[in-house]
């Protein structure tokens, strides 16, 4: 093995370790959060409104029942929004 190929192999190993570490950090950051459906304002969802869009910031309607955003774990069911018709609704852990 040449010095150059040794350096390339080392660089690849460091890059792989860095990516795995970043992924673990993201999982840890979300460990204290939960997905809360039905509380996101238009364009403010964290991801996936089933059937309407594929990811963050793409929901078109306020409080889309299938769009979610991350909230502190244990707080979703107590979050309340007021719909256009004046009715109130709480967030849920599952799509409505």
C-alpha atoms as a PDB file:
ATOM      1  CA  UNK A   1       0.000   0.000   0.000  1.00  0.00           C
ATOM      2  CA  UNK A   2       1.399   3.388  -0.960  1.00  0.00           C
ATOM      3  CA  UNK A   3       1.475   6.425   1.287  1.00  0.00           C
ATOM      4  CA  UNK A   4      -1.179   8.078  -0.892  1.00  0.00           C
ATOM      5  CA  UNK A   5      -3.577   5.118  -0.676  1.00  0.00           C
ATOM      6  CA  UNK A   6      -2.991   4.917   3.073  1.00  0.00           C
ATOM      7  CA  UNK A   7      -3.918   8.598   3.416  1.00  0.00           C
ATOM      8  CA  UNK A   8      -7.030   8.104   1.262  1.00  0.00           C
ATOM      9  CA  UNK A   9      -8.110   5.120   3.352  1.00  0.00           C
ATOM     10  CA  UNK A  10      -7.563   7.082   6.551  1.00  0.00           C
ATOM     11  CA  UNK A  11      -9.504  10.074   5.190  1.00  0.00           C
ATOM     12  CA  UNK A  12     -12.390   7.799   4.195  1.00  0.00           C
ATOM     13  CA  UNK A  13     -12.467   6.212   7.652  1.00  0.00           C
ATOM     14  CA  UNK A  14     -12.495   9.622   9.355  1.00  0.00           C
ATOM     15  CA  UNK A  15     -15.285  10.846   7.052  1.00  0.00           C
ATOM     16  CA  UNK A  16     -17.383   7.733   7.738  1.00  0.00           C
ATOM     17  CA  UNK A  17     -16.925   8.097  11.493  1.00  0.00           C
ATOM     18  CA  UNK A  18     -17.895  11.754  11.262  1.00  0.00           C
ATOM     19  CA  UNK A  19     -21.097  10.952   9.362  1.00  0.00           C
ATOM     20  CA  UNK A  20     -22.081   8.241  11.830  1.00  0.00           C
ATOM     21  CA  UNK A  21     -21.467  10.634  14.709  1.00  0.00           C
ATOM     22  CA  UNK A  22     -23.628  13.330  13.077  1.00  0.00           C
ATOM     23  CA  UNK A  23     -26.466  10.820  12.612  1.00  0.00           C
ATOM     24  CA  UNK A  24     -26.273   9.756  16.241  1.00  0.00           C
ATOM     25  CA  UNK A  25     -26.363  13.403  17.311  1.00  0.00           C
ATOM     26  CA  UNK A  26     -29.536  14.003  15.310  1.00  0.00           C
ATOM     27  CA  UNK A  27     -31.202  10.985  16.924  1.00  0.00           C
ATOM     28  CA  UNK A  28     -30.195  12.201  20.380  1.00  0.00           C
ATOM     29  CA  UNK A  29     -31.485  15.703  19.631  1.00  0.00           C
ATOM     30  CA  UNK A  30     -34.902  14.270  18.710  1.00  0.00           C
ATOM     31  CA  UNK A  31     -35.043  11.808  21.614  1.00  0.00           C
ATOM     32  CA  UNK A  32     -36.719  14.432  23.801  1.00  0.00           C
ATOM     33  CA  UNK A  33     -39.220  15.382  21.074  1.00  0.00           C
ATOM     34  CA  UNK A  34     -42.309  13.828  19.545  1.00  0.00           C
ATOM     35  CA  UNK A  35     -44.168  14.284  16.271  1.00  0.00           C
ATOM     36  CA  UNK A  36     -47.364  16.240  16.840  1.00  0.00           C
ATOM     37  CA  UNK A  37     -49.981  16.181  14.073  1.00  0.00           C
ATOM     38  CA  UNK A  38     -52.492  18.912  13.334  1.00  0.00           C
ATOM     39  CA  UNK A  39     -50.746  21.882  14.947  1.00  0.00           C
ATOM     40  CA  UNK A  40     -48.377  23.157  12.228  1.00  0.00           C
ATOM     41  CA  UNK A  41     -49.062  26.437  10.469  1.00  0.00           C
ATOM     42  CA  UNK A  42     -48.885  26.478   6.669  1.00  0.00           C
ATOM     43  CA  UNK A  43     -45.269  26.161   5.570  1.00  0.00           C
ATOM     44  CA  UNK A  44     -44.078  25.446   9.117  1.00  0.00           C
ATOM     45  CA  UNK A  45     -44.390  21.641   9.294  1.00  0.00           C
ATOM     46  CA  UNK A  46     -41.283  19.607  10.065  1.00  0.00           C
ATOM     47  CA  UNK A  47     -42.085  16.911   7.511  1.00  0.00           C
ATOM     48  CA  UNK A  48     -44.494  14.757   5.516  1.00  0.00           C
ATOM     49  CA  UNK A  49     -48.133  15.586   5.310  1.00  0.00           C
ATOM     50  CA  UNK A  50     -49.375  12.303   3.874  1.00  0.00           C
ATOM     51  CA  UNK A  51     -50.767  12.821   0.401  1.00  0.00           C
ATOM     52  CA  UNK A  52     -50.206  16.579   0.401  1.00  0.00           C
ATOM     53  CA  UNK A  53     -46.429  17.002   0.374  1.00  0.00           C
ATOM     54  CA  UNK A  54     -43.225  15.181   1.020  1.00  0.00           C
ATOM     55  CA  UNK A  55     -41.299  17.209   3.544  1.00  0.00           C
ATOM     56  CA  UNK A  56     -40.553  20.200   5.747  1.00  0.00           C
ATOM     57  CA  UNK A  57     -42.159  23.550   5.119  1.00  0.00           C
ATOM     58  CA  UNK A  58     -44.448  22.352   2.339  1.00  0.00           C
ATOM     59  CA  UNK A  59     -47.866  22.085   3.958  1.00  0.00           C
ATOM     60  CA  UNK A  60     -50.300  24.502   2.316  1.00  0.00           C
ATOM     61  CA  UNK A  61     -52.933  24.786   5.056  1.00  0.00           C
ATOM     62  CA  UNK A  62     -52.788  25.820   8.694  1.00  0.00           C
ATOM     63  CA  UNK A  63     -53.230  22.885  11.083  1.00  0.00           C
ATOM     64  CA  UNK A  64     -53.242  20.207   8.373  1.00  0.00           C
ATOM     65  CA  UNK A  65     -54.383  17.051  10.181  1.00  0.00           C
ATOM     66  CA  UNK A  66     -51.719  14.956   8.405  1.00  0.00           C
ATOM     67  CA  UNK A  67     -48.777  17.350   8.813  1.00  0.00           C
ATOM     68  CA  UNK A  68     -46.571  17.229  11.893  1.00  0.00           C
ATOM     69  CA  UNK A  69     -43.936  19.198  13.709  1.00  0.00           C
ATOM     70  CA  UNK A  70     -41.588  18.280  16.516  1.00  0.00           C
ATOM     71  CA  UNK A  71     -42.598  19.396  20.004  1.00  0.00           C
ATOM     72  CA  UNK A  72     -41.218  18.630  23.447  1.00  0.00           C
ATOM     73  CA  UNK A  73     -42.028  15.049  24.463  1.00  0.00           C
ATOM     74  CA  UNK A  74     -45.243  14.841  26.455  1.00  0.00           C
ATOM     75  CA  UNK A  75     -46.684  18.173  25.285  1.00  0.00           C
ATOM     76  CA  UNK A  76     -48.497  17.318  22.045  1.00  0.00           C
ATOM     77  CA  UNK A  77     -51.840  16.254  23.511  1.00  0.00           C
ATOM     78  CA  UNK A  78     -52.075  19.487  25.512  1.00  0.00           C
ATOM     79  CA  UNK A  79     -51.371  21.786  22.538  1.00  0.00           C
ATOM     80  CA  UNK A  80     -54.524  23.426  21.256  1.00  0.00           C
ATOM     81  CA  UNK A  81     -55.140  25.304  18.020  1.00  0.00           C
ATOM     82  CA  UNK A  82     -58.128  27.324  16.827  1.00  0.00           C
ATOM     83  CA  UNK A  83     -59.361  26.347  13.382  1.00  0.00           C
ATOM     84  CA  UNK A  84     -60.764  28.788  10.802  1.00  0.00           C
ATOM     85  CA  UNK A  85     -64.323  27.938  11.836  1.00  0.00           C
ATOM     86  CA  UNK A  86     -63.533  28.858  15.452  1.00  0.00           C
ATOM     87  CA  UNK A  87     -63.466  25.256  16.683  1.00  0.00           C
ATOM     88  CA  UNK A  88     -60.575  24.220  18.895  1.00  0.00           C
ATOM     89  CA  UNK A  89     -58.575  21.027  18.410  1.00  0.00           C
ATOM     90  CA  UNK A  90     -55.673  19.449  20.274  1.00  0.00           C
ATOM     91  CA  UNK A  91     -52.600  17.954  18.644  1.00  0.00           C
ATOM     92  CA  UNK A  92     -52.300  14.182  18.274  1.00  0.00           C
ATOM     93  CA  UNK A  93     -49.438  11.711  18.060  1.00  0.00           C
ATOM     94  CA  UNK A  94     -50.990  10.075  14.960  1.00  0.00           C
ATOM     95  CA  UNK A  95     -52.321  11.627  11.722  1.00  0.00           C
ATOM     96  CA  UNK A  96     -55.997  12.534  12.024  1.00  0.00           C
END
